[in-house]
Every structure is written in C-alpha cells, then in structure tokens.
Amino acid sequence: MKKILFEILGDPVAQGRPRAGKTFTGKTVLYDPAKSRNFKEYVRMVAAQHAPKKLIEGPIHLNMDFYRSPPKKYQTKPKMALIESGQLLPTSKPDLDNLAKGVKDGLSKIIWQDDSQVVSMNVRKFYSMTPKVVVHISYFEEG
C-alpha cells in the first residue's frame, strides 16, 4: 500500500454554498464563493508538490485532520490545557463535511481522477494554535 502525507498550513476553509450570477446575455450561472475558490487553489498548489507521477486510478482511503484556531475566549491557560489534552474540541461551524468537501475538490485531478474513488474517509477537527489540515492518502498502485 502506498501512502501520501502532507500538511496544508493555514486556517481551513469550508466549501461555501454556490452563488448565482448573470452573464452579459442574461443567462444564470453558478460559481464558487471567492473564499472557497481561493482555498481550493491553495490546496491544489500544496498537493501538486506531493502528487504521484500519474493520477491514482484505484480505490483511495482518505484521512483528514483539521486544526482550527481556537476562539479568543478559549485562549486562557486552563482552556489551552484542555485543548492540548484533546478534551476541548470544536463543535461550532463549519461542519466537518463542508471542510472535507473543499479539500477533496482541491485534490481532484491533482492526486486522483475523481472524488468517487474515495472508498473510506476519516475526518476529524481539533483546535490548535497552528491551524492546518493534515492529509493522509492510502492507495494500492495499479499494475
């Protein structure tokens, strides 16, 4: 089994709801909000440095750990001790599935062909003074 492991530094951004707009001809089009689009582009840039020589074609096991900055109210000594021990976890928005969607979209066509290849996924979120996303991909090499 092959493995790819890398970190995406910075606060993770959840996949935003598609926005609607009009073209010059009056046709309605849907597009990604700028914040989501910029984060996906950043994910692509980081992932490209760890991409296999050829896109993964088989089943993929994906693990993602999201580390978010704690709110100011949690940046006290007792709360930071709870964060360090893993007892204080983020239960606020954004939703875990929206965080995962943004990263998965950014990895498509860079690491793998399509999101449908992901057969198992373990996604968790934590607080950390060093916000980042840790991505761990496991797969069997074709051939």
N, C-alpha and C. Protein backbone atom coordinates (compact mmCIF):
# COMPACT_ATOMS: atom_id res chain seq x y z
N MET A 1 0.85 -1.18 0.00
CA MET A 1 0.00 0.00 0.00
C MET A 1 0.89 1.24 0.00
N LYS A 2 0.60 2.15 -0.88
CA LYS A 2 1.34 3.41 -0.96
C LYS A 2 0.65 4.45 -0.12
N LYS A 3 1.43 5.42 0.34
CA LYS A 3 0.89 6.48 1.20
C LYS A 3 1.41 7.84 0.75
N ILE A 4 0.56 8.84 0.87
CA ILE A 4 0.94 10.23 0.64
C ILE A 4 0.49 11.00 1.88
N LEU A 5 1.40 11.76 2.47
CA LEU A 5 1.09 12.51 3.68
C LEU A 5 1.61 13.93 3.51
N PHE A 6 0.76 14.92 3.74
CA PHE A 6 1.21 16.31 3.68
C PHE A 6 0.30 17.20 4.51
N GLU A 7 0.80 18.41 4.77
CA GLU A 7 0.05 19.41 5.55
C GLU A 7 -0.26 20.62 4.70
N ILE A 8 -1.44 21.15 4.90
CA ILE A 8 -1.86 22.40 4.25
C ILE A 8 -1.93 23.43 5.37
N LEU A 9 -0.95 24.32 5.43
CA LEU A 9 -0.86 25.28 6.52
C LEU A 9 -1.89 26.40 6.38
N GLY A 10 -2.36 26.91 7.50
CA GLY A 10 -3.34 27.99 7.50
C GLY A 10 -4.71 27.48 7.92
N ASP A 11 -5.59 28.44 8.26
CA ASP A 11 -6.94 28.08 8.69
C ASP A 11 -7.72 27.41 7.57
N PRO A 12 -8.27 26.20 7.82
CA PRO A 12 -9.07 25.54 6.79
C PRO A 12 -10.34 26.32 6.47
N VAL A 13 -10.76 26.25 5.21
CA VAL A 13 -11.96 26.96 4.75
C VAL A 13 -12.98 25.93 4.28
N ALA A 14 -14.20 26.03 4.78
CA ALA A 14 -15.27 25.12 4.37
C ALA A 14 -15.75 25.47 2.97
N GLN A 15 -16.24 24.46 2.27
CA GLN A 15 -16.84 24.69 0.95
C GLN A 15 -18.10 25.52 1.14
N GLY A 16 -18.13 26.68 0.51
CA GLY A 16 -19.29 27.57 0.63
C GLY A 16 -20.40 27.16 -0.31
N ARG A 17 -21.57 27.69 -0.07
CA ARG A 17 -22.72 27.43 -0.96
C ARG A 17 -22.47 28.09 -2.30
N PRO A 18 -22.86 27.43 -3.39
CA PRO A 18 -22.69 28.05 -4.71
C PRO A 18 -23.48 29.36 -4.79
N ARG A 19 -22.91 30.32 -5.46
CA ARG A 19 -23.57 31.62 -5.66
C ARG A 19 -24.09 31.69 -7.09
N ALA A 20 -25.16 32.42 -7.27
CA ALA A 20 -25.74 32.58 -8.61
C ALA A 20 -25.44 33.98 -9.12
N GLY A 21 -25.20 34.06 -10.39
CA GLY A 21 -24.97 35.35 -11.04
C GLY A 21 -25.52 35.30 -12.45
N LYS A 22 -25.46 36.41 -13.13
CA LYS A 22 -25.95 36.50 -14.51
C LYS A 22 -24.80 36.85 -15.45
N THR A 23 -24.83 36.26 -16.65
CA THR A 23 -23.86 36.63 -17.67
C THR A 23 -24.37 37.88 -18.40
N PHE A 24 -23.57 38.39 -19.32
CA PHE A 24 -23.98 39.57 -20.09
C PHE A 24 -25.23 39.30 -20.92
N THR A 25 -25.42 38.03 -21.29
CA THR A 25 -26.59 37.67 -22.10
C THR A 25 -27.82 37.38 -21.25
N GLY A 26 -27.67 37.46 -19.91
CA GLY A 26 -28.82 37.23 -19.03
C GLY A 26 -28.94 35.80 -18.55
N LYS A 27 -28.02 34.92 -18.94
CA LYS A 27 -28.06 33.52 -18.52
C LYS A 27 -27.58 33.41 -17.06
N THR A 28 -28.27 32.60 -16.26
CA THR A 28 -27.89 32.39 -14.86
C THR A 28 -26.77 31.37 -14.78
N VAL A 29 -25.73 31.69 -14.01
CA VAL A 29 -24.61 30.78 -13.81
C VAL A 29 -24.33 30.64 -12.32
N LEU A 30 -23.83 29.47 -11.92
CA LEU A 30 -23.45 29.23 -10.53
C LEU A 30 -21.93 29.26 -10.43
N TYR A 31 -21.42 29.81 -9.33
CA TYR A 31 -19.97 29.86 -9.15
C TYR A 31 -19.64 29.72 -7.67
N ASP A 32 -18.39 29.32 -7.40
CA ASP A 32 -17.89 29.18 -6.03
C ASP A 32 -17.68 30.55 -5.40
N PRO A 33 -17.98 30.71 -4.12
CA PRO A 33 -17.61 31.96 -3.44
C PRO A 33 -16.08 32.13 -3.49
N ALA A 34 -15.60 33.35 -3.51
CA ALA A 34 -14.16 33.63 -3.67
C ALA A 34 -13.32 32.94 -2.60
N LYS A 35 -13.78 32.95 -1.36
CA LYS A 35 -13.00 32.34 -0.27
C LYS A 35 -12.80 30.84 -0.51
N SER A 36 -13.86 30.13 -0.90
CA SER A 36 -13.76 28.70 -1.19
C SER A 36 -12.86 28.45 -2.40
N ARG A 37 -13.03 29.24 -3.43
CA ARG A 37 -12.25 29.09 -4.66
C ARG A 37 -10.76 29.30 -4.38
N ASN A 38 -10.43 30.33 -3.59
CA ASN A 38 -9.03 30.60 -3.26
C ASN A 38 -8.42 29.49 -2.42
N PHE A 39 -9.19 28.94 -1.47
CA PHE A 39 -8.68 27.85 -0.64
C PHE A 39 -8.42 26.61 -1.48
N LYS A 40 -9.34 26.28 -2.39
CA LYS A 40 -9.14 25.11 -3.26
C LYS A 40 -7.90 25.27 -4.12
N GLU A 41 -7.66 26.47 -4.59
CA GLU A 41 -6.47 26.75 -5.40
C GLU A 41 -5.20 26.55 -4.57
N TYR A 42 -5.25 26.98 -3.32
CA TYR A 42 -4.11 26.79 -2.41
C TYR A 42 -3.89 25.30 -2.14
N VAL A 43 -4.98 24.54 -1.95
CA VAL A 43 -4.88 23.09 -1.74
C VAL A 43 -4.23 22.44 -2.97
N ARG A 44 -4.65 22.84 -4.16
CA ARG A 44 -4.07 22.30 -5.40
C ARG A 44 -2.56 22.57 -5.46
N MET A 45 -2.18 23.78 -5.10
CA MET A 45 -0.77 24.16 -5.15
C MET A 45 0.07 23.30 -4.18
N VAL A 46 -0.42 23.10 -2.96
CA VAL A 46 0.30 22.29 -1.98
C VAL A 46 0.31 20.82 -2.41
N ALA A 47 -0.84 20.32 -2.85
CA ALA A 47 -0.96 18.91 -3.25
C ALA A 47 -0.07 18.59 -4.45
N ALA A 48 0.09 19.53 -5.36
CA ALA A 48 0.92 19.31 -6.56
C ALA A 48 2.35 18.95 -6.18
N GLN A 49 2.83 19.44 -5.04
CA GLN A 49 4.19 19.14 -4.59
C GLN A 49 4.31 17.70 -4.09
N HIS A 50 3.19 17.05 -3.81
CA HIS A 50 3.19 15.68 -3.27
C HIS A 50 2.49 14.69 -4.20
N ALA A 51 2.12 15.15 -5.37
CA ALA A 51 1.35 14.32 -6.30
C ALA A 51 2.18 13.16 -6.85
N PRO A 52 1.54 12.01 -7.06
CA PRO A 52 2.24 10.89 -7.69
C PRO A 52 2.51 11.22 -9.16
N LYS A 53 3.42 10.45 -9.78
CA LYS A 53 3.78 10.71 -11.18
C LYS A 53 2.56 10.65 -12.09
N LYS A 54 1.66 9.70 -11.80
CA LYS A 54 0.41 9.63 -12.57
C LYS A 54 -0.75 9.57 -11.60
N LEU A 55 -1.89 10.13 -12.01
CA LEU A 55 -3.04 10.20 -11.12
C LEU A 55 -3.44 8.81 -10.61
N ILE A 56 -3.83 8.75 -9.35
CA ILE A 56 -4.30 7.49 -8.77
C ILE A 56 -5.60 7.10 -9.46
N GLU A 57 -5.70 5.83 -9.84
CA GLU A 57 -6.89 5.37 -10.57
C GLU A 57 -7.75 4.42 -9.76
N GLY A 58 -7.20 3.82 -8.72
CA GLY A 58 -7.93 2.83 -7.93
C GLY A 58 -8.59 3.43 -6.70
N PRO A 59 -9.03 2.54 -5.79
CA PRO A 59 -9.69 2.99 -4.56
C PRO A 59 -8.72 3.73 -3.63
N ILE A 60 -9.26 4.71 -2.91
CA ILE A 60 -8.45 5.56 -2.04
C ILE A 60 -9.05 5.59 -0.63
N HIS A 61 -8.17 5.50 0.36
CA HIS A 61 -8.54 5.68 1.76
C HIS A 61 -7.99 7.04 2.17
N LEU A 62 -8.88 7.91 2.63
CA LEU A 62 -8.51 9.30 2.90
C LEU A 62 -8.74 9.64 4.37
N ASN A 63 -7.71 10.16 5.02
CA ASN A 63 -7.80 10.66 6.39
C ASN A 63 -7.45 12.14 6.39
N MET A 64 -8.28 12.95 7.03
CA MET A 64 -8.01 14.38 7.12
C MET A 64 -8.25 14.85 8.54
N ASP A 65 -7.27 15.56 9.09
CA ASP A 65 -7.40 16.19 10.40
C ASP A 65 -7.35 17.69 10.20
N PHE A 66 -8.39 18.38 10.64
CA PHE A 66 -8.48 19.83 10.52
C PHE A 66 -8.15 20.46 11.87
N TYR A 67 -7.16 21.31 11.88
CA TYR A 67 -6.75 22.03 13.09
C TYR A 67 -7.12 23.49 12.91
N ARG A 68 -8.07 23.97 13.71
CA ARG A 68 -8.56 25.35 13.61
C ARG A 68 -8.05 26.17 14.77
N SER A 69 -7.90 27.47 14.56
CA SER A 69 -7.51 28.37 15.64
C SER A 69 -8.61 28.41 16.68
N PRO A 70 -8.26 28.32 17.97
CA PRO A 70 -9.30 28.43 18.99
C PRO A 70 -9.80 29.86 19.10
N PRO A 71 -11.07 30.05 19.44
CA PRO A 71 -11.59 31.41 19.64
C PRO A 71 -10.84 32.09 20.79
N LYS A 72 -10.84 33.40 20.80
CA LYS A 72 -10.15 34.18 21.85
C LYS A 72 -10.58 33.76 23.25
N LYS A 73 -11.87 33.45 23.42
CA LYS A 73 -12.37 33.09 24.76
C LYS A 73 -11.74 31.78 25.28
N TYR A 74 -11.16 30.97 24.39
CA TYR A 74 -10.52 29.72 24.80
C TYR A 74 -9.01 29.88 24.98
N GLN A 75 -8.49 31.05 24.75
CA GLN A 75 -7.04 31.23 24.83
C GLN A 75 -6.61 31.65 26.24
N THR A 76 -7.08 30.87 27.21
CA THR A 76 -6.68 31.03 28.61
C THR A 76 -5.91 29.78 29.00
N LYS A 77 -5.13 29.88 30.07
CA LYS A 77 -4.30 28.74 30.46
C LYS A 77 -5.11 27.46 30.70
N PRO A 78 -6.23 27.52 31.49
CA PRO A 78 -6.99 26.28 31.72
C PRO A 78 -7.60 25.70 30.43
N LYS A 79 -8.13 26.58 29.57
CA LYS A 79 -8.74 26.11 28.32
C LYS A 79 -7.68 25.55 27.37
N MET A 80 -6.52 26.21 27.32
CA MET A 80 -5.44 25.72 26.45
C MET A 80 -4.95 24.34 26.90
N ALA A 81 -4.96 24.11 28.22
CA ALA A 81 -4.58 22.79 28.74
C ALA A 81 -5.57 21.73 28.27
N LEU A 82 -6.86 22.08 28.27
CA LEU A 82 -7.88 21.15 27.78
C LEU A 82 -7.72 20.90 26.28
N ILE A 83 -7.38 21.94 25.53
CA ILE A 83 -7.15 21.79 24.08
C ILE A 83 -5.97 20.88 23.83
N GLU A 84 -4.87 21.11 24.56
CA GLU A 84 -3.66 20.29 24.40
C GLU A 84 -3.94 18.81 24.70
N SER A 85 -4.79 18.55 25.70
CA SER A 85 -5.07 17.16 26.08
C SER A 85 -6.15 16.52 25.18
N GLY A 86 -6.74 17.32 24.27
CA GLY A 86 -7.75 16.79 23.37
C GLY A 86 -9.14 16.70 23.98
N GLN A 87 -9.36 17.35 25.13
CA GLN A 87 -10.66 17.30 25.79
C GLN A 87 -11.61 18.40 25.33
N LEU A 88 -11.06 19.48 24.76
CA LEU A 88 -11.88 20.58 24.27
C LEU A 88 -11.80 20.57 22.74
N LEU A 89 -12.90 20.21 22.11
CA LEU A 89 -12.93 20.07 20.65
C LEU A 89 -13.93 21.05 20.04
N PRO A 90 -13.72 21.47 18.80
CA PRO A 90 -14.63 22.42 18.17
C PRO A 90 -15.97 21.77 17.79
N THR A 91 -17.04 22.32 18.30
CA THR A 91 -18.38 21.82 17.96
C THR A 91 -19.17 22.88 17.21
N SER A 92 -18.49 23.95 16.83
CA SER A 92 -19.16 25.05 16.13
C SER A 92 -18.95 24.89 14.62
N LYS A 93 -19.63 25.74 13.86
CA LYS A 93 -19.46 25.73 12.41
C LYS A 93 -18.04 26.14 12.08
N PRO A 94 -17.50 25.70 10.96
CA PRO A 94 -18.14 24.99 9.87
C PRO A 94 -18.28 23.49 10.12
N ASP A 95 -19.23 22.90 9.41
CA ASP A 95 -19.47 21.46 9.50
C ASP A 95 -18.27 20.71 8.94
N LEU A 96 -18.05 19.54 9.51
CA LEU A 96 -16.94 18.69 9.09
C LEU A 96 -17.03 18.30 7.62
N ASP A 97 -18.25 17.97 7.15
CA ASP A 97 -18.39 17.54 5.76
C ASP A 97 -18.10 18.68 4.78
N ASN A 98 -18.41 19.93 5.16
CA ASN A 98 -18.09 21.06 4.29
C ASN A 98 -16.59 21.34 4.25
N LEU A 99 -15.91 21.13 5.38
CA LEU A 99 -14.44 21.26 5.40
C LEU A 99 -13.82 20.21 4.48
N ALA A 100 -14.29 18.96 4.61
CA ALA A 100 -13.74 17.87 3.80
C ALA A 100 -13.99 18.09 2.31
N LYS A 101 -15.17 18.59 1.96
CA LYS A 101 -15.52 18.81 0.55
C LYS A 101 -14.55 19.77 -0.13
N GLY A 102 -14.20 20.85 0.56
CA GLY A 102 -13.27 21.82 -0.03
C GLY A 102 -11.91 21.20 -0.34
N VAL A 103 -11.40 20.38 0.57
CA VAL A 103 -10.09 19.74 0.35
C VAL A 103 -10.21 18.68 -0.75
N LYS A 104 -11.26 17.86 -0.69
CA LYS A 104 -11.44 16.82 -1.73
C LYS A 104 -11.52 17.43 -3.12
N ASP A 105 -12.26 18.52 -3.26
CA ASP A 105 -12.35 19.19 -4.56
C ASP A 105 -10.99 19.68 -5.03
N GLY A 106 -10.19 20.17 -4.09
CA GLY A 106 -8.85 20.65 -4.44
C GLY A 106 -7.91 19.55 -4.85
N LEU A 107 -8.14 18.33 -4.38
CA LEU A 107 -7.25 17.20 -4.70
C LEU A 107 -7.61 16.50 -6.01
N SER A 108 -8.84 16.70 -6.49
CA SER A 108 -9.26 16.08 -7.75
C SER A 108 -8.42 16.60 -8.90
N LYS A 109 -8.03 15.70 -9.77
CA LYS A 109 -7.21 15.98 -10.96
C LYS A 109 -5.76 16.36 -10.61
N ILE A 110 -5.42 16.36 -9.30
CA ILE A 110 -4.04 16.59 -8.88
C ILE A 110 -3.48 15.29 -8.30
N ILE A 111 -4.24 14.66 -7.41
CA ILE A 111 -3.83 13.40 -6.78
C ILE A 111 -4.59 12.23 -7.40
N TRP A 112 -5.90 12.40 -7.60
CA TRP A 112 -6.73 11.33 -8.17
C TRP A 112 -7.61 11.88 -9.27
N GLN A 113 -8.27 10.96 -10.00
CA GLN A 113 -9.14 11.35 -11.11
C GLN A 113 -10.42 12.02 -10.62
N ASP A 114 -11.12 11.35 -9.67
CA ASP A 114 -12.45 11.80 -9.26
C ASP A 114 -12.70 11.46 -7.79
N ASP A 115 -13.52 12.28 -7.12
CA ASP A 115 -13.87 12.05 -5.71
C ASP A 115 -14.50 10.68 -5.47
N SER A 116 -15.13 10.11 -6.48
CA SER A 116 -15.81 8.82 -6.33
C SER A 116 -14.84 7.70 -5.99
N GLN A 117 -13.54 7.91 -6.20
CA GLN A 117 -12.54 6.89 -5.88
C GLN A 117 -12.30 6.75 -4.38
N VAL A 118 -12.72 7.74 -3.60
CA VAL A 118 -12.55 7.68 -2.15
C VAL A 118 -13.55 6.67 -1.60
N VAL A 119 -13.03 5.54 -1.08
CA VAL A 119 -13.90 4.47 -0.59
C VAL A 119 -14.05 4.50 0.93
N SER A 120 -13.12 5.15 1.62
CA SER A 120 -13.25 5.34 3.07
C SER A 120 -12.63 6.68 3.43
N MET A 121 -13.25 7.30 4.45
CA MET A 121 -12.78 8.62 4.83
C MET A 121 -12.93 8.78 6.34
N ASN A 122 -11.86 9.24 6.97
CA ASN A 122 -11.87 9.54 8.39
C ASN A 122 -11.52 11.02 8.51
N VAL A 123 -12.46 11.83 9.02
CA VAL A 123 -12.28 13.26 9.09
C VAL A 123 -12.52 13.72 10.53
N ARG A 124 -11.58 14.51 11.07
CA ARG A 124 -11.69 14.99 12.44
C ARG A 124 -11.33 16.47 12.49
N LYS A 125 -11.84 17.18 13.51
CA LYS A 125 -11.43 18.58 13.69
C LYS A 125 -11.02 18.82 15.13
N PHE A 126 -9.98 19.65 15.26
CA PHE A 126 -9.38 19.96 16.54
C PHE A 126 -9.09 21.46 16.61
N TYR A 127 -8.77 21.93 17.82
CA TYR A 127 -8.24 23.28 17.98
C TYR A 127 -6.72 23.18 18.03
N SER A 128 -6.05 24.19 17.51
CA SER A 128 -4.59 24.26 17.58
C SER A 128 -4.16 25.70 17.36
N MET A 129 -3.07 26.09 18.00
CA MET A 129 -2.53 27.43 17.76
C MET A 129 -1.81 27.47 16.40
N THR A 130 -1.62 26.30 15.79
CA THR A 130 -1.05 26.21 14.44
C THR A 130 -2.12 25.63 13.52
N PRO A 131 -2.97 26.48 12.95
CA PRO A 131 -4.04 25.96 12.09
C PRO A 131 -3.48 25.31 10.82
N LYS A 132 -4.06 24.17 10.46
CA LYS A 132 -3.60 23.43 9.28
C LYS A 132 -4.56 22.30 8.99
N VAL A 133 -4.32 21.64 7.86
CA VAL A 133 -5.04 20.42 7.52
C VAL A 133 -3.97 19.36 7.27
N VAL A 134 -4.08 18.22 7.92
CA VAL A 134 -3.16 17.11 7.68
C VAL A 134 -3.91 16.10 6.82
N VAL A 135 -3.35 15.82 5.64
CA VAL A 135 -3.99 14.91 4.68
C VAL A 135 -3.14 13.64 4.58
N HIS A 136 -3.79 12.49 4.75
CA HIS A 136 -3.12 11.20 4.65
C HIS A 136 -3.91 10.33 3.67
N ILE A 137 -3.27 10.00 2.55
CA ILE A 137 -3.92 9.23 1.49
C ILE A 137 -3.24 7.87 1.39
N SER A 138 -4.02 6.79 1.40
CA SER A 138 -3.50 5.43 1.21
C SER A 138 -4.17 4.83 -0.01
N TYR A 139 -3.38 4.11 -0.83
CA TYR A 139 -3.92 3.50 -2.05
C TYR A 139 -3.00 2.38 -2.51
N PHE A 140 -3.53 1.51 -3.36
CA PHE A 140 -2.74 0.45 -3.98
C PHE A 140 -2.37 0.91 -5.37
N GLU A 141 -1.11 0.71 -5.71
CA GLU A 141 -0.63 1.11 -7.04
C GLU A 141 -1.16 0.14 -8.08
N GLU A 142 -1.67 0.69 -9.16
CA GLU A 142 -2.21 -0.13 -10.27
C GLU A 142 -1.05 -0.78 -11.02
N GLY A 143 -1.32 -1.94 -11.56
CA GLY A 143 -0.32 -2.54 -12.43
C GLY A 143 0.19 -3.76 -11.86
